[in-house]
Amino acid sequence: MSGKFPLDERDVEVNWEDQQRINQIHTRVQKTEKEYLDDLAMEIELLDEEEPVPYRVGDTFVMLPLEEAQERVEKNKDAIDARVEDLDKQISDISEEMEVLKKELYGKFGRAINLEKD
């Protein structure tokens, strides 16, 4: 592991805000990957149908017929779309749950607590 992040063997508590940030990063990574696949799909459209194209599988590239490569790209795009949709729903559900909890806690404790971001 690089020296950018010091290793700490203690258990670190991940609060709700931290989890939201992690979810946002993951969602953005998924959206970026989908954009790459969209670009790839457009580039594949421009290729000669008779020539096999390199397609990445893990850390290697295999030569596939153009049609098969296009099918795989579409399947990958569909899978990422579904994952992004699922992540967005999870974020929305968690946000709604947190709003309900905030109302309950503010109702009970009033201004004695602060549940807002600093």
N, C-alpha and C. Protein backbone atom coordinates (compact mmCIF):
# COMPACT_ATOMS: atom_id res chain seq x y z
N MET A 1 0.85 -1.18 0.00
CA MET A 1 0.00 0.00 0.00
C MET A 1 0.89 1.23 0.00
N SER A 2 0.45 2.27 -0.67
CA SER A 2 1.27 3.48 -0.75
C SER A 2 1.29 4.19 0.58
N GLY A 3 2.19 5.13 0.70
CA GLY A 3 2.34 5.87 1.93
C GLY A 3 1.34 7.01 2.08
N LYS A 4 0.42 7.15 1.14
CA LYS A 4 -0.56 8.24 1.20
C LYS A 4 -1.45 8.14 2.43
N PHE A 5 -1.87 6.95 2.75
CA PHE A 5 -2.81 6.75 3.85
C PHE A 5 -2.14 5.91 4.92
N PRO A 6 -1.94 6.49 6.11
CA PRO A 6 -1.30 5.72 7.17
C PRO A 6 -2.20 4.57 7.60
N LEU A 7 -1.58 3.44 7.85
CA LEU A 7 -2.34 2.28 8.33
C LEU A 7 -2.55 2.42 9.82
N ASP A 8 -3.74 2.21 10.25
CA ASP A 8 -4.08 2.29 11.66
C ASP A 8 -4.84 1.03 11.99
N GLU A 9 -4.35 0.30 12.98
CA GLU A 9 -4.95 -0.99 13.29
C GLU A 9 -6.13 -0.87 14.23
N ARG A 10 -6.44 0.33 14.69
CA ARG A 10 -7.61 0.51 15.54
C ARG A 10 -8.87 0.44 14.68
N ASP A 11 -9.96 0.03 15.32
CA ASP A 11 -11.25 0.09 14.63
C ASP A 11 -11.66 1.55 14.56
N VAL A 12 -12.05 1.98 13.38
CA VAL A 12 -12.46 3.36 13.18
C VAL A 12 -13.96 3.35 12.94
N GLU A 13 -14.66 4.19 13.67
CA GLU A 13 -16.11 4.29 13.50
C GLU A 13 -16.41 5.09 12.24
N VAL A 14 -17.25 4.54 11.40
CA VAL A 14 -17.69 5.23 10.19
C VAL A 14 -19.08 5.78 10.48
N ASN A 15 -19.17 7.11 10.56
CA ASN A 15 -20.48 7.70 10.84
C ASN A 15 -21.29 7.83 9.56
N TRP A 16 -22.51 8.31 9.71
CA TRP A 16 -23.42 8.39 8.57
C TRP A 16 -22.88 9.28 7.47
N GLU A 17 -22.31 10.42 7.83
CA GLU A 17 -21.77 11.34 6.83
C GLU A 17 -20.62 10.71 6.06
N ASP A 18 -19.75 9.97 6.77
CA ASP A 18 -18.66 9.28 6.10
C ASP A 18 -19.21 8.25 5.12
N GLN A 19 -20.23 7.51 5.54
CA GLN A 19 -20.82 6.50 4.66
C GLN A 19 -21.45 7.15 3.44
N GLN A 20 -22.08 8.31 3.62
CA GLN A 20 -22.65 9.02 2.48
C GLN A 20 -21.56 9.43 1.49
N ARG A 21 -20.44 9.90 2.01
CA ARG A 21 -19.34 10.29 1.12
C ARG A 21 -18.79 9.08 0.37
N ILE A 22 -18.66 7.97 1.07
CA ILE A 22 -18.19 6.74 0.42
C ILE A 22 -19.17 6.33 -0.67
N ASN A 23 -20.45 6.38 -0.38
CA ASN A 23 -21.46 6.02 -1.37
C ASN A 23 -21.41 6.95 -2.58
N GLN A 24 -21.22 8.25 -2.33
CA GLN A 24 -21.14 9.20 -3.44
C GLN A 24 -19.95 8.91 -4.33
N ILE A 25 -18.81 8.61 -3.73
CA ILE A 25 -17.62 8.29 -4.51
C ILE A 25 -17.87 7.05 -5.35
N HIS A 26 -18.45 6.03 -4.72
CA HIS A 26 -18.71 4.78 -5.45
C HIS A 26 -19.67 5.02 -6.61
N THR A 27 -20.69 5.82 -6.38
CA THR A 27 -21.65 6.12 -7.43
C THR A 27 -20.97 6.87 -8.57
N ARG A 28 -20.12 7.83 -8.23
CA ARG A 28 -19.42 8.59 -9.27
C ARG A 28 -18.47 7.70 -10.07
N VAL A 29 -17.82 6.77 -9.40
CA VAL A 29 -16.93 5.84 -10.10
C VAL A 29 -17.74 5.00 -11.08
N GLN A 30 -18.89 4.52 -10.64
CA GLN A 30 -19.76 3.72 -11.51
C GLN A 30 -20.23 4.55 -12.70
N LYS A 31 -20.60 5.81 -12.46
CA LYS A 31 -21.06 6.67 -13.56
C LYS A 31 -19.92 6.95 -14.54
N THR A 32 -18.71 7.14 -14.02
CA THR A 32 -17.56 7.37 -14.88
C THR A 32 -17.29 6.14 -15.73
N GLU A 33 -17.39 4.97 -15.13
CA GLU A 33 -17.18 3.74 -15.89
C GLU A 33 -18.23 3.60 -16.98
N LYS A 34 -19.46 3.98 -16.68
CA LYS A 34 -20.51 3.93 -17.69
C LYS A 34 -20.20 4.89 -18.83
N GLU A 35 -19.69 6.08 -18.51
CA GLU A 35 -19.32 7.03 -19.56
C GLU A 35 -18.24 6.44 -20.45
N TYR A 36 -17.26 5.76 -19.85
CA TYR A 36 -16.22 5.11 -20.65
C TYR A 36 -16.82 4.07 -21.58
N LEU A 37 -17.77 3.29 -21.07
CA LEU A 37 -18.41 2.27 -21.89
C LEU A 37 -19.24 2.91 -23.01
N ASP A 38 -19.89 4.03 -22.73
CA ASP A 38 -20.63 4.73 -23.78
C ASP A 38 -19.68 5.19 -24.88
N ASP A 39 -18.54 5.76 -24.49
CA ASP A 39 -17.54 6.19 -25.47
C ASP A 39 -17.02 5.00 -26.27
N LEU A 40 -16.78 3.90 -25.57
CA LEU A 40 -16.29 2.69 -26.24
C LEU A 40 -17.31 2.19 -27.25
N ALA A 41 -18.57 2.19 -26.88
CA ALA A 41 -19.61 1.73 -27.79
C ALA A 41 -19.64 2.57 -29.06
N MET A 42 -19.46 3.89 -28.92
CA MET A 42 -19.43 4.76 -30.10
C MET A 42 -18.21 4.47 -30.97
N GLU A 43 -17.06 4.25 -30.33
CA GLU A 43 -15.85 3.95 -31.09
C GLU A 43 -15.97 2.62 -31.83
N ILE A 44 -16.57 1.64 -31.19
CA ILE A 44 -16.73 0.32 -31.82
C ILE A 44 -17.60 0.43 -33.06
N GLU A 45 -18.59 1.32 -33.02
CA GLU A 45 -19.47 1.51 -34.18
C GLU A 45 -18.68 1.93 -35.41
N LEU A 46 -17.56 2.60 -35.21
CA LEU A 46 -16.76 3.11 -36.33
C LEU A 46 -15.79 2.08 -36.89
N LEU A 47 -15.63 0.95 -36.22
CA LEU A 47 -14.66 -0.05 -36.64
C LEU A 47 -15.17 -0.90 -37.80
N ASP A 48 -14.22 -1.51 -38.50
CA ASP A 48 -14.52 -2.42 -39.60
C ASP A 48 -15.13 -3.69 -39.04
N GLU A 49 -16.28 -4.10 -39.57
CA GLU A 49 -16.98 -5.27 -39.04
C GLU A 49 -16.23 -6.58 -39.25
N GLU A 50 -15.32 -6.61 -40.19
CA GLU A 50 -14.59 -7.84 -40.49
C GLU A 50 -13.41 -8.07 -39.55
N GLU A 51 -12.92 -7.01 -38.95
CA GLU A 51 -11.74 -7.11 -38.10
C GLU A 51 -12.12 -7.43 -36.66
N PRO A 52 -11.42 -8.38 -36.03
CA PRO A 52 -11.66 -8.60 -34.59
C PRO A 52 -11.14 -7.40 -33.80
N VAL A 53 -11.74 -7.16 -32.66
CA VAL A 53 -11.35 -6.02 -31.84
C VAL A 53 -10.83 -6.51 -30.50
N PRO A 54 -9.86 -5.79 -29.91
CA PRO A 54 -9.40 -6.17 -28.58
C PRO A 54 -10.45 -5.80 -27.54
N TYR A 55 -10.74 -6.74 -26.66
CA TYR A 55 -11.73 -6.52 -25.61
C TYR A 55 -11.10 -6.92 -24.29
N ARG A 56 -11.20 -6.05 -23.31
CA ARG A 56 -10.56 -6.29 -22.02
C ARG A 56 -11.38 -7.26 -21.17
N VAL A 57 -10.70 -8.29 -20.71
CA VAL A 57 -11.28 -9.25 -19.78
C VAL A 57 -10.29 -9.34 -18.62
N GLY A 58 -10.66 -8.74 -17.49
CA GLY A 58 -9.74 -8.71 -16.36
C GLY A 58 -8.55 -7.83 -16.69
N ASP A 59 -7.35 -8.40 -16.61
CA ASP A 59 -6.13 -7.65 -16.90
C ASP A 59 -5.59 -7.93 -18.29
N THR A 60 -6.31 -8.71 -19.07
CA THR A 60 -5.82 -9.06 -20.41
C THR A 60 -6.82 -8.61 -21.47
N PHE A 61 -6.36 -8.61 -22.70
CA PHE A 61 -7.22 -8.30 -23.83
C PHE A 61 -7.33 -9.54 -24.70
N VAL A 62 -8.54 -9.79 -25.17
CA VAL A 62 -8.78 -10.90 -26.09
C VAL A 62 -9.38 -10.31 -27.36
N MET A 63 -9.09 -10.96 -28.47
CA MET A 63 -9.62 -10.50 -29.75
C MET A 63 -11.00 -11.14 -29.94
N LEU A 64 -12.00 -10.30 -30.14
CA LEU A 64 -13.37 -10.77 -30.32
C LEU A 64 -13.94 -10.22 -31.62
N PRO A 65 -14.87 -10.97 -32.20
CA PRO A 65 -15.58 -10.40 -33.34
C PRO A 65 -16.31 -9.12 -32.90
N LEU A 66 -16.44 -8.19 -33.79
CA LEU A 66 -17.03 -6.89 -33.47
C LEU A 66 -18.41 -7.04 -32.81
N GLU A 67 -19.25 -7.88 -33.36
CA GLU A 67 -20.61 -8.04 -32.83
C GLU A 67 -20.59 -8.54 -31.38
N GLU A 68 -19.72 -9.49 -31.09
CA GLU A 68 -19.64 -10.02 -29.72
C GLU A 68 -19.12 -8.94 -28.76
N ALA A 69 -18.14 -8.17 -29.20
CA ALA A 69 -17.62 -7.08 -28.36
C ALA A 69 -18.72 -6.07 -28.07
N GLN A 70 -19.52 -5.74 -29.08
CA GLN A 70 -20.62 -4.80 -28.88
C GLN A 70 -21.64 -5.34 -27.88
N GLU A 71 -21.95 -6.62 -27.98
CA GLU A 71 -22.90 -7.24 -27.05
C GLU A 71 -22.37 -7.18 -25.62
N ARG A 72 -21.09 -7.46 -25.45
CA ARG A 72 -20.50 -7.43 -24.11
C ARG A 72 -20.49 -6.02 -23.54
N VAL A 73 -20.19 -5.04 -24.37
CA VAL A 73 -20.20 -3.65 -23.91
C VAL A 73 -21.60 -3.27 -23.45
N GLU A 74 -22.61 -3.64 -24.22
CA GLU A 74 -24.00 -3.34 -23.85
C GLU A 74 -24.38 -4.01 -22.54
N LYS A 75 -23.98 -5.27 -22.35
CA LYS A 75 -24.27 -5.97 -21.10
C LYS A 75 -23.61 -5.27 -19.92
N ASN A 76 -22.35 -4.85 -20.12
CA ASN A 76 -21.64 -4.14 -19.05
C ASN A 76 -22.33 -2.81 -18.73
N LYS A 77 -22.76 -2.10 -19.76
CA LYS A 77 -23.47 -0.83 -19.54
C LYS A 77 -24.76 -1.06 -18.77
N ASP A 78 -25.50 -2.09 -19.14
CA ASP A 78 -26.76 -2.39 -18.45
C ASP A 78 -26.50 -2.73 -16.98
N ALA A 79 -25.46 -3.51 -16.73
CA ALA A 79 -25.13 -3.89 -15.35
C ALA A 79 -24.75 -2.66 -14.52
N ILE A 80 -23.98 -1.76 -15.11
CA ILE A 80 -23.57 -0.55 -14.39
C ILE A 80 -24.78 0.36 -14.18
N ASP A 81 -25.65 0.48 -15.18
CA ASP A 81 -26.87 1.28 -15.00
C ASP A 81 -27.68 0.76 -13.82
N ALA A 82 -27.83 -0.55 -13.75
CA ALA A 82 -28.61 -1.15 -12.66
C ALA A 82 -27.94 -0.88 -11.32
N ARG A 83 -26.61 -0.98 -11.27
CA ARG A 83 -25.88 -0.75 -10.03
C ARG A 83 -25.99 0.71 -9.58
N VAL A 84 -25.85 1.64 -10.53
CA VAL A 84 -25.97 3.07 -10.20
C VAL A 84 -27.38 3.37 -9.69
N GLU A 85 -28.38 2.80 -10.35
CA GLU A 85 -29.76 3.00 -9.91
C GLU A 85 -29.96 2.46 -8.50
N ASP A 86 -29.39 1.29 -8.22
CA ASP A 86 -29.50 0.70 -6.89
C ASP A 86 -28.81 1.58 -5.84
N LEU A 87 -27.62 2.08 -6.17
CA LEU A 87 -26.90 2.95 -5.23
C LEU A 87 -27.66 4.25 -4.98
N ASP A 88 -28.21 4.83 -6.03
CA ASP A 88 -29.00 6.05 -5.86
C ASP A 88 -30.20 5.81 -4.96
N LYS A 89 -30.85 4.66 -5.12
CA LYS A 89 -32.00 4.32 -4.28
C LYS A 89 -31.57 4.14 -2.83
N GLN A 90 -30.43 3.47 -2.63
CA GLN A 90 -29.93 3.28 -1.26
C GLN A 90 -29.64 4.62 -0.60
N ILE A 91 -29.00 5.51 -1.33
CA ILE A 91 -28.69 6.84 -0.80
C ILE A 91 -29.98 7.58 -0.45
N SER A 92 -30.96 7.51 -1.33
CA SER A 92 -32.24 8.16 -1.08
C SER A 92 -32.93 7.57 0.15
N ASP A 93 -32.94 6.25 0.25
CA ASP A 93 -33.57 5.59 1.40
C ASP A 93 -32.90 5.97 2.71
N ILE A 94 -31.57 6.00 2.70
CA ILE A 94 -30.82 6.36 3.91
C ILE A 94 -31.10 7.82 4.28
N SER A 95 -31.15 8.69 3.28
CA SER A 95 -31.42 10.10 3.55
C SER A 95 -32.80 10.29 4.16
N GLU A 96 -33.79 9.58 3.63
CA GLU A 96 -35.14 9.66 4.19
C GLU A 96 -35.17 9.16 5.63
N GLU A 97 -34.49 8.05 5.86
CA GLU A 97 -34.43 7.48 7.21
C GLU A 97 -33.77 8.46 8.18
N MET A 98 -32.70 9.11 7.73
CA MET A 98 -32.01 10.07 8.59
C MET A 98 -32.90 11.27 8.90
N GLU A 99 -33.68 11.72 7.94
CA GLU A 99 -34.58 12.85 8.19
C GLU A 99 -35.62 12.48 9.25
N VAL A 100 -36.15 11.27 9.18
CA VAL A 100 -37.12 10.82 10.18
C VAL A 100 -36.46 10.78 11.56
N LEU A 101 -35.25 10.23 11.61
CA LEU A 101 -34.53 10.15 12.88
C LEU A 101 -34.22 11.54 13.44
N LYS A 102 -33.82 12.46 12.57
CA LYS A 102 -33.54 13.82 13.02
C LYS A 102 -34.78 14.46 13.63
N LYS A 103 -35.93 14.30 12.97
CA LYS A 103 -37.17 14.87 13.50
C LYS A 103 -37.49 14.30 14.87
N GLU A 104 -37.34 12.98 15.01
CA GLU A 104 -37.61 12.34 16.30
C GLU A 104 -36.66 12.86 17.38
N LEU A 105 -35.37 12.93 17.05
CA LEU A 105 -34.38 13.35 18.03
C LEU A 105 -34.52 14.83 18.38
N TYR A 106 -34.74 15.67 17.38
CA TYR A 106 -34.95 17.09 17.66
C TYR A 106 -36.23 17.29 18.46
N GLY A 107 -37.26 16.46 18.18
CA GLY A 107 -38.50 16.53 18.96
C GLY A 107 -38.26 16.19 20.42
N LYS A 108 -37.37 15.26 20.66
CA LYS A 108 -37.10 14.82 22.03
C LYS A 108 -36.11 15.74 22.74
N PHE A 109 -35.03 16.13 22.05
CA PHE A 109 -33.94 16.87 22.70
C PHE A 109 -33.91 18.36 22.34
N GLY A 110 -34.67 18.77 21.36
CA GLY A 110 -34.68 20.18 20.97
C GLY A 110 -33.32 20.67 20.52
N ARG A 111 -32.96 21.85 21.00
CA ARG A 111 -31.70 22.47 20.60
C ARG A 111 -30.51 21.96 21.40
N ALA A 112 -30.75 21.01 22.29
CA ALA A 112 -29.66 20.46 23.10
C ALA A 112 -28.71 19.60 22.27
N ILE A 113 -29.15 19.22 21.08
CA ILE A 113 -28.28 18.42 20.21
C ILE A 113 -28.15 19.12 18.86
N ASN A 114 -27.08 18.79 18.16
CA ASN A 114 -26.87 19.31 16.82
C ASN A 114 -26.58 18.13 15.90
N LEU A 115 -27.47 17.87 14.98
CA LEU A 115 -27.31 16.75 14.06
C LEU A 115 -26.97 17.21 12.65
N GLU A 116 -26.72 18.50 12.50
CA GLU A 116 -26.42 19.04 11.18
C GLU A 116 -24.92 18.98 10.91
N LYS A 117 -24.59 19.03 9.61
CA LYS A 117 -23.18 19.06 9.23
C LYS A 117 -22.56 20.35 9.73
N ASP A 118 -21.29 20.28 10.10
CA ASP A 118 -20.60 21.48 10.58
C ASP A 118 -20.29 22.42 9.45
